[in-house]
Amino acid sequence: KQTGFVDEAVLVSDTEPTRILGLSFWNSKEDAERYHREQYPKIQEMLKDLLGTEPVVRTFDVHTSTTHRIVSGKAA
């Protein structure tokens, strides 16, 4: 369990099944950055042989959400 972790959504393209988008939601940008700094490299190392390319990580702020009931301004 990661401090500040709220939820994860994984989307798989219906036309390109090898194209996958993972969205993680965090209580704060700091929580997301801590995970990316401390845990993400370990996870990426474990999965590197399964991935065709290196993942691209981008940071966004949640503007609105009805499904996850995430407050505006939370890191995603």
Protein backbone atom coordinates (compact mmCIF):
# COMPACT_ATOMS: atom_id res chain seq x y z
CA LYS A 1 0.00 0.00 0.00
CA GLN A 2 1.31 3.41 -0.99
CA THR A 3 0.70 6.53 1.07
CA GLY A 4 -1.82 8.77 -0.67
CA PHE A 5 -2.87 6.24 -3.31
CA VAL A 6 -6.56 6.60 -4.24
CA ASP A 7 -7.28 4.47 -7.32
CA GLU A 8 -5.90 3.00 -10.54
CA ALA A 9 -7.62 2.67 -13.91
CA VAL A 10 -6.09 0.69 -16.78
CA LEU A 11 -7.42 1.30 -20.29
CA VAL A 12 -6.66 -1.02 -23.22
CA SER A 13 -7.23 0.18 -26.79
CA ASP A 14 -9.97 -1.72 -28.59
CA THR A 15 -8.15 -1.25 -31.91
CA GLU A 16 -4.55 -1.62 -30.69
CA PRO A 17 -4.56 -4.15 -27.83
CA THR A 18 -0.86 -3.55 -27.13
CA ARG A 19 -1.56 0.14 -26.44
CA ILE A 20 -2.34 0.51 -22.75
CA LEU A 21 -2.97 3.59 -20.64
CA GLY A 22 -2.67 3.44 -16.87
CA LEU A 23 -4.11 6.21 -14.74
CA SER A 24 -3.25 6.44 -11.08
CA PHE A 25 -4.95 8.84 -8.70
CA TRP A 26 -3.29 10.25 -5.60
CA ASN A 27 -4.33 12.43 -2.68
CA SER A 28 -1.61 14.94 -3.53
CA LYS A 29 1.02 15.68 -6.12
CA GLU A 30 3.63 15.05 -3.43
CA ASP A 31 2.30 11.51 -2.85
CA ALA A 32 2.45 10.80 -6.60
CA GLU A 33 5.96 12.22 -6.87
CA ARG A 34 7.15 10.16 -3.88
CA TYR A 35 5.81 6.98 -5.50
CA HIS A 36 7.43 7.87 -8.82
CA ARG A 37 10.76 8.56 -7.13
CA GLU A 38 10.84 5.65 -4.64
CA GLN A 39 8.71 2.81 -6.04
CA TYR A 40 8.17 3.30 -9.77
CA PRO A 41 11.77 2.41 -10.75
CA LYS A 42 11.42 -0.94 -8.94
CA ILE A 43 8.12 -1.74 -10.68
CA GLN A 44 9.47 -0.68 -14.06
CA GLU A 45 12.51 -2.92 -13.59
CA MET A 46 10.29 -5.92 -12.80
CA LEU A 47 8.15 -5.32 -15.90
CA LYS A 48 10.80 -4.23 -18.40
CA ASP A 49 10.94 -7.62 -20.17
CA LEU A 50 7.16 -7.57 -20.64
CA LEU A 51 7.01 -4.07 -22.11
CA GLY A 52 7.63 -3.36 -25.79
CA THR A 53 8.74 0.21 -25.07
CA GLU A 54 9.60 2.31 -22.06
CA PRO A 55 6.48 3.81 -20.46
CA VAL A 56 5.84 7.53 -20.80
CA VAL A 57 4.84 9.21 -17.55
CA ARG A 58 2.87 12.44 -17.57
CA THR A 59 1.27 14.33 -14.71
CA PHE A 60 -2.17 15.93 -14.80
CA ASP A 61 -4.49 17.56 -12.28
CA VAL A 62 -8.02 16.22 -12.02
CA HIS A 63 -10.41 18.91 -13.23
CA THR A 64 -13.68 17.08 -12.61
CA SER A 65 -14.73 13.55 -11.75
CA THR A 66 -18.06 11.90 -11.12
CA THR A 67 -17.04 8.24 -11.22
CA HIS A 68 -14.18 8.35 -8.73
CA ARG A 69 -15.49 11.26 -6.71
CA ILE A 70 -12.01 12.75 -6.73
CA VAL A 71 -11.80 16.33 -5.58
CA SER A 72 -10.62 18.84 -8.17
CA GLY A 73 -6.91 19.53 -7.87
CA LYS A 74 -5.85 16.00 -6.87
CA ALA A 75 -2.90 14.58 -8.78
CA ALA A 76 -3.59 12.03 -11.50
